[in-house]
Amino acid sequence: MWGEFTQMPFDLPYALDYWSKCAIDAVALSVAAEALYPLRGAPFLPFQRWAQKAESVHPSPLGLLIHPEYGLWHACRGALAFTYIIDLPARDEGPRPCETCVDKRVFLRVR
C-alpha cells in the first residue's frame, strides 16, 4: 500500500485518507461490497474488534492494536461489508508482543 500511495502525483491535506477511500471504494465496487470507514463519524463502527477477529492483532497498553510482526505500525483504513457469505482462511493466532515485553514492565513500574 505505501509503495503505491507514495507514487501518487497529488499533494492534498489528508492525502492518505483520500487515496485509501479511492482504493477501497474501487475494490468494494469490484466485489459488490459496501465500503466502510473508521472516521465517518457517529455511530462509530467497531474497527478494532473487527481487526481482532480478522487477524493476529492484540490490544497494547497504549490502547492501540499491536501486530506481532508490524508492531504499532498497523491501521485499518477501511472495511468491506458483504451481503453474501465468503470463505476466508482461518485466522492466524500470532504471539501477543506486549505480554512478554521487558520494556513494558519497566515502563509500567516507573509510572
N, C-alpha and C. Protein backbone atom coordinates (compact mmCIF):
# COMPACT_ATOMS: atom_id res chain seq x y z
N MET A 1 0.81 -1.19 0.00
CA MET A 1 0.00 0.00 0.00
C MET A 1 0.86 1.26 0.00
N TRP A 2 1.87 1.29 0.88
CA TRP A 2 2.67 2.52 0.99
C TRP A 2 3.40 2.82 -0.30
N GLY A 3 3.92 1.79 -0.96
CA GLY A 3 4.61 1.99 -2.24
C GLY A 3 3.70 2.60 -3.29
N GLU A 4 2.48 2.12 -3.37
CA GLU A 4 1.50 2.67 -4.31
C GLU A 4 1.15 4.11 -3.96
N PHE A 5 0.89 4.35 -2.68
CA PHE A 5 0.50 5.69 -2.25
C PHE A 5 1.58 6.72 -2.54
N THR A 6 2.83 6.40 -2.24
CA THR A 6 3.90 7.38 -2.43
C THR A 6 4.18 7.70 -3.90
N GLN A 7 3.65 6.90 -4.80
CA GLN A 7 3.83 7.17 -6.24
C GLN A 7 2.74 8.09 -6.80
N MET A 8 1.74 8.41 -5.99
CA MET A 8 0.63 9.22 -6.47
C MET A 8 1.06 10.69 -6.63
N PRO A 9 0.59 11.35 -7.71
CA PRO A 9 1.04 12.72 -8.00
C PRO A 9 0.19 13.82 -7.36
N PHE A 10 -0.32 13.61 -6.16
CA PHE A 10 -1.13 14.66 -5.56
C PHE A 10 -0.56 15.09 -4.22
N ASP A 11 -0.85 16.33 -3.89
CA ASP A 11 -0.42 16.90 -2.62
C ASP A 11 -1.63 17.57 -1.99
N LEU A 12 -2.40 16.78 -1.25
CA LEU A 12 -3.64 17.26 -0.64
C LEU A 12 -3.56 17.11 0.87
N PRO A 13 -4.33 17.91 1.60
CA PRO A 13 -4.46 17.63 3.03
C PRO A 13 -5.15 16.27 3.17
N TYR A 14 -4.73 15.48 4.11
CA TYR A 14 -5.31 14.15 4.34
C TYR A 14 -5.21 13.27 3.09
N ALA A 15 -4.08 13.37 2.41
CA ALA A 15 -3.90 12.65 1.15
C ALA A 15 -4.03 11.13 1.33
N LEU A 16 -3.53 10.60 2.44
CA LEU A 16 -3.63 9.15 2.65
C LEU A 16 -5.08 8.72 2.83
N ASP A 17 -5.88 9.53 3.52
CA ASP A 17 -7.30 9.23 3.66
C ASP A 17 -7.98 9.24 2.29
N TYR A 18 -7.67 10.24 1.48
CA TYR A 18 -8.26 10.35 0.15
C TYR A 18 -7.86 9.16 -0.71
N TRP A 19 -6.57 8.83 -0.72
CA TRP A 19 -6.09 7.70 -1.52
C TRP A 19 -6.73 6.40 -1.04
N SER A 20 -6.80 6.20 0.28
CA SER A 20 -7.39 4.98 0.83
C SER A 20 -8.85 4.85 0.41
N LYS A 21 -9.59 5.93 0.51
CA LYS A 21 -11.01 5.88 0.14
C LYS A 21 -11.18 5.54 -1.33
N CYS A 22 -10.38 6.12 -2.19
CA CYS A 22 -10.46 5.81 -3.62
C CYS A 22 -10.15 4.33 -3.87
N ALA A 23 -9.10 3.82 -3.24
CA ALA A 23 -8.70 2.42 -3.44
C ALA A 23 -9.75 1.46 -2.88
N ILE A 24 -10.23 1.73 -1.69
CA ILE A 24 -11.21 0.84 -1.05
C ILE A 24 -12.54 0.90 -1.78
N ASP A 25 -12.96 2.08 -2.21
CA ASP A 25 -14.19 2.20 -2.99
C ASP A 25 -14.10 1.38 -4.28
N ALA A 26 -12.95 1.41 -4.94
CA ALA A 26 -12.77 0.66 -6.18
C ALA A 26 -12.86 -0.85 -5.93
N VAL A 27 -12.24 -1.31 -4.85
CA VAL A 27 -12.31 -2.74 -4.51
C VAL A 27 -13.75 -3.11 -4.17
N ALA A 28 -14.42 -2.30 -3.37
CA ALA A 28 -15.80 -2.58 -2.98
C ALA A 28 -16.69 -2.70 -4.22
N LEU A 29 -16.53 -1.80 -5.15
CA LEU A 29 -17.32 -1.84 -6.37
C LEU A 29 -17.05 -3.12 -7.16
N SER A 30 -15.80 -3.54 -7.20
CA SER A 30 -15.44 -4.73 -7.99
C SER A 30 -15.94 -6.03 -7.39
N VAL A 31 -16.24 -6.06 -6.09
CA VAL A 31 -16.71 -7.29 -5.44
C VAL A 31 -18.13 -7.16 -4.88
N ALA A 32 -18.85 -6.13 -5.30
CA ALA A 32 -20.23 -5.88 -4.86
C ALA A 32 -20.34 -5.83 -3.34
N ALA A 33 -19.49 -5.04 -2.72
CA ALA A 33 -19.50 -4.87 -1.26
C ALA A 33 -19.71 -3.39 -0.93
N GLU A 34 -20.02 -3.13 0.32
CA GLU A 34 -20.13 -1.76 0.79
C GLU A 34 -18.84 -1.37 1.49
N ALA A 35 -18.28 -0.23 1.15
CA ALA A 35 -17.06 0.26 1.80
C ALA A 35 -17.44 0.96 3.10
N LEU A 36 -16.73 0.62 4.16
CA LEU A 36 -16.95 1.23 5.48
C LEU A 36 -15.64 1.87 5.94
N TYR A 37 -15.75 3.00 6.66
CA TYR A 37 -14.56 3.73 7.07
C TYR A 37 -14.61 4.06 8.56
N PRO A 38 -13.44 4.02 9.23
CA PRO A 38 -13.42 4.26 10.68
C PRO A 38 -13.66 5.71 11.06
N LEU A 39 -13.42 6.65 10.20
CA LEU A 39 -13.52 8.06 10.57
C LEU A 39 -14.75 8.73 9.99
N ARG A 40 -15.80 7.99 9.77
CA ARG A 40 -17.00 8.58 9.16
C ARG A 40 -17.85 9.33 10.17
N GLY A 41 -17.59 9.19 11.46
CA GLY A 41 -18.37 9.87 12.49
C GLY A 41 -19.33 8.91 13.17
N ALA A 42 -20.10 9.46 14.10
CA ALA A 42 -21.02 8.64 14.89
C ALA A 42 -22.16 8.14 14.00
N PRO A 43 -22.65 6.95 14.22
CA PRO A 43 -22.15 5.98 15.20
C PRO A 43 -20.85 5.35 14.69
N PHE A 44 -19.88 5.26 15.58
CA PHE A 44 -18.57 4.74 15.21
C PHE A 44 -18.62 3.22 15.10
N LEU A 45 -18.02 2.71 14.06
CA LEU A 45 -18.00 1.27 13.81
C LEU A 45 -16.90 0.61 14.63
N PRO A 46 -17.07 -0.64 15.03
CA PRO A 46 -16.09 -1.33 15.90
C PRO A 46 -14.89 -1.90 15.14
N PHE A 47 -14.12 -1.02 14.52
CA PHE A 47 -12.99 -1.47 13.70
C PHE A 47 -11.96 -2.27 14.49
N GLN A 48 -11.69 -1.88 15.73
CA GLN A 48 -10.68 -2.62 16.50
C GLN A 48 -11.16 -4.04 16.79
N ARG A 49 -12.43 -4.21 17.12
CA ARG A 49 -12.95 -5.57 17.36
C ARG A 49 -12.93 -6.37 16.07
N TRP A 50 -13.30 -5.74 14.96
CA TRP A 50 -13.27 -6.45 13.67
C TRP A 50 -11.84 -6.88 13.35
N ALA A 51 -10.88 -5.99 13.58
CA ALA A 51 -9.49 -6.32 13.28
C ALA A 51 -9.02 -7.50 14.12
N GLN A 52 -9.40 -7.55 15.40
CA GLN A 52 -9.00 -8.66 16.26
C GLN A 52 -9.61 -9.98 15.81
N LYS A 53 -10.78 -9.95 15.19
CA LYS A 53 -11.39 -11.16 14.67
C LYS A 53 -10.77 -11.57 13.34
N ALA A 54 -10.21 -10.62 12.61
CA ALA A 54 -9.71 -10.88 11.27
C ALA A 54 -8.24 -11.29 11.22
N GLU A 55 -7.43 -10.79 12.14
CA GLU A 55 -6.01 -11.10 12.07
C GLU A 55 -5.38 -11.08 13.45
N SER A 56 -4.11 -11.40 13.49
CA SER A 56 -3.40 -11.55 14.75
C SER A 56 -2.94 -10.20 15.30
N VAL A 57 -3.88 -9.42 15.81
CA VAL A 57 -3.56 -8.16 16.48
C VAL A 57 -4.14 -8.24 17.89
N HIS A 58 -3.49 -7.54 18.80
CA HIS A 58 -3.88 -7.60 20.21
C HIS A 58 -3.83 -6.20 20.80
N PRO A 59 -4.63 -5.92 21.83
CA PRO A 59 -4.57 -4.61 22.48
C PRO A 59 -3.20 -4.39 23.14
N SER A 60 -2.69 -3.18 23.02
CA SER A 60 -1.44 -2.81 23.68
C SER A 60 -1.79 -1.94 24.89
N PRO A 61 -0.82 -1.69 25.77
CA PRO A 61 -1.09 -0.80 26.91
C PRO A 61 -1.47 0.62 26.48
N LEU A 62 -1.15 1.00 25.26
CA LEU A 62 -1.49 2.33 24.76
C LEU A 62 -2.93 2.42 24.27
N GLY A 63 -3.61 1.27 24.14
CA GLY A 63 -4.96 1.26 23.62
C GLY A 63 -5.01 0.99 22.12
N LEU A 64 -3.86 1.08 21.46
CA LEU A 64 -3.78 0.75 20.04
C LEU A 64 -3.62 -0.75 19.89
N LEU A 65 -3.97 -1.26 18.72
CA LEU A 65 -3.73 -2.67 18.46
C LEU A 65 -2.27 -2.84 18.03
N ILE A 66 -1.68 -3.95 18.43
CA ILE A 66 -0.30 -4.24 18.06
C ILE A 66 -0.26 -5.55 17.29
N HIS A 67 0.51 -5.57 16.23
CA HIS A 67 0.67 -6.74 15.37
C HIS A 67 2.00 -7.40 15.72
N PRO A 68 2.06 -8.75 15.77
CA PRO A 68 3.31 -9.41 16.16
C PRO A 68 4.49 -9.13 15.22
N GLU A 69 4.23 -8.80 13.98
CA GLU A 69 5.31 -8.51 13.03
C GLU A 69 5.49 -7.01 12.80
N TYR A 70 4.40 -6.27 12.66
CA TYR A 70 4.47 -4.86 12.31
C TYR A 70 4.39 -3.93 13.51
N GLY A 71 4.15 -4.46 14.69
CA GLY A 71 4.08 -3.63 15.89
C GLY A 71 2.90 -2.68 15.83
N LEU A 72 3.11 -1.45 16.26
CA LEU A 72 2.04 -0.46 16.27
C LEU A 72 1.83 0.17 14.90
N TRP A 73 2.68 -0.18 13.94
CA TRP A 73 2.52 0.32 12.58
C TRP A 73 1.45 -0.52 11.88
N HIS A 74 0.28 -0.47 12.41
CA HIS A 74 -0.84 -1.26 11.91
C HIS A 74 -2.08 -0.39 12.00
N ALA A 75 -2.80 -0.27 10.92
CA ALA A 75 -4.00 0.57 10.95
C ALA A 75 -5.05 -0.01 10.01
N CYS A 76 -6.29 0.20 10.35
CA CYS A 76 -7.41 -0.19 9.49
C CYS A 76 -7.86 1.05 8.75
N ARG A 77 -7.68 1.07 7.47
CA ARG A 77 -8.07 2.22 6.65
C ARG A 77 -9.52 2.11 6.21
N GLY A 78 -10.08 0.89 6.22
CA GLY A 78 -11.45 0.68 5.80
C GLY A 78 -11.79 -0.80 5.91
N ALA A 79 -13.04 -1.11 5.63
CA ALA A 79 -13.51 -2.49 5.67
C ALA A 79 -14.55 -2.67 4.57
N LEU A 80 -14.80 -3.92 4.24
CA LEU A 80 -15.81 -4.25 3.24
C LEU A 80 -16.93 -5.03 3.90
N ALA A 81 -18.16 -4.64 3.64
CA ALA A 81 -19.34 -5.35 4.15
C ALA A 81 -20.00 -6.05 2.96
N PHE A 82 -20.19 -7.35 3.10
CA PHE A 82 -20.77 -8.15 2.03
C PHE A 82 -22.20 -8.55 2.38
N THR A 83 -23.03 -8.69 1.36
CA THR A 83 -24.39 -9.19 1.56
C THR A 83 -24.44 -10.70 1.34
N TYR A 84 -23.31 -11.29 1.05
CA TYR A 84 -23.21 -12.72 0.82
C TYR A 84 -22.05 -13.27 1.65
N ILE A 85 -22.07 -14.56 1.89
CA ILE A 85 -21.03 -15.20 2.70
C ILE A 85 -19.83 -15.52 1.82
N ILE A 86 -18.65 -15.22 2.33
CA ILE A 86 -17.42 -15.56 1.62
C ILE A 86 -16.58 -16.47 2.51
N ASP A 87 -15.87 -17.40 1.90
CA ASP A 87 -14.98 -18.28 2.64
C ASP A 87 -13.66 -17.55 2.89
N LEU A 88 -13.25 -17.53 4.13
CA LEU A 88 -11.99 -16.88 4.49
C LEU A 88 -11.07 -17.91 5.12
N PRO A 89 -9.76 -17.72 4.98
CA PRO A 89 -8.83 -18.62 5.67
C PRO A 89 -8.94 -18.45 7.18
N ALA A 90 -8.54 -19.47 7.90
CA ALA A 90 -8.56 -19.39 9.36
C ALA A 90 -7.65 -18.26 9.83
N ARG A 91 -8.02 -17.62 10.90
CA ARG A 91 -7.23 -16.54 11.50
C ARG A 91 -5.95 -17.12 12.08
N ASP A 92 -4.83 -16.51 11.77
CA ASP A 92 -3.54 -16.94 12.30
C ASP A 92 -3.35 -16.31 13.67
N GLU A 93 -3.28 -17.11 14.70
CA GLU A 93 -3.11 -16.60 16.06
C GLU A 93 -1.62 -16.40 16.31
N GLY A 94 -1.15 -15.18 16.20
CA GLY A 94 0.25 -14.87 16.44
C GLY A 94 0.51 -14.57 17.90
N PRO A 95 1.76 -14.38 18.26
CA PRO A 95 2.11 -14.08 19.65
C PRO A 95 1.57 -12.72 20.08
N ARG A 96 1.42 -12.56 21.37
CA ARG A 96 0.98 -11.28 21.96
C ARG A 96 2.23 -10.54 22.42
N PRO A 97 2.75 -9.62 21.62
CA PRO A 97 4.03 -8.98 21.93
C PRO A 97 4.08 -8.27 23.28
N CYS A 98 3.01 -7.66 23.71
CA CYS A 98 3.04 -6.88 24.95
C CYS A 98 3.12 -7.74 26.21
N GLU A 99 2.74 -9.00 26.12
CA GLU A 99 2.78 -9.85 27.30
C GLU A 99 4.20 -10.22 27.71
N THR A 100 5.12 -10.23 26.77
CA THR A 100 6.50 -10.63 27.08
C THR A 100 7.49 -9.48 26.95
N CYS A 101 7.02 -8.28 26.74
CA CYS A 101 7.90 -7.14 26.51
C CYS A 101 8.52 -6.67 27.83
N VAL A 102 9.84 -6.73 27.92
CA VAL A 102 10.55 -6.29 29.12
C VAL A 102 10.40 -4.79 29.31
N ASP A 103 10.51 -4.02 28.23
CA ASP A 103 10.39 -2.57 28.33
C ASP A 103 9.03 -2.15 28.89
N LYS A 104 7.97 -2.88 28.55
CA LYS A 104 6.64 -2.55 29.06
C LYS A 104 6.61 -2.70 30.58
N ARG A 105 7.18 -3.78 31.08
CA ARG A 105 7.17 -3.99 32.52
C ARG A 105 7.94 -2.89 33.23
N VAL A 106 9.06 -2.47 32.67
CA VAL A 106 9.85 -1.40 33.27
C VAL A 106 9.06 -0.10 33.20
N PHE A 107 8.45 0.19 32.07
CA PHE A 107 7.66 1.41 31.91
C PHE A 107 6.51 1.46 32.91
N LEU A 108 5.81 0.39 33.09
CA LEU A 108 4.67 0.39 33.99
C LEU A 108 5.09 0.55 35.46
N ARG A 109 6.27 0.03 35.84
CA ARG A 109 6.75 0.18 37.23
C ARG A 109 7.17 1.61 37.49
N VAL A 110 7.78 2.26 36.52
CA VAL A 110 8.29 3.63 36.70
C VAL A 110 7.14 4.60 36.88
N ARG A 111 6.07 4.40 36.20
CA ARG A 111 4.93 5.33 36.26
C ARG A 111 4.36 5.24 37.62
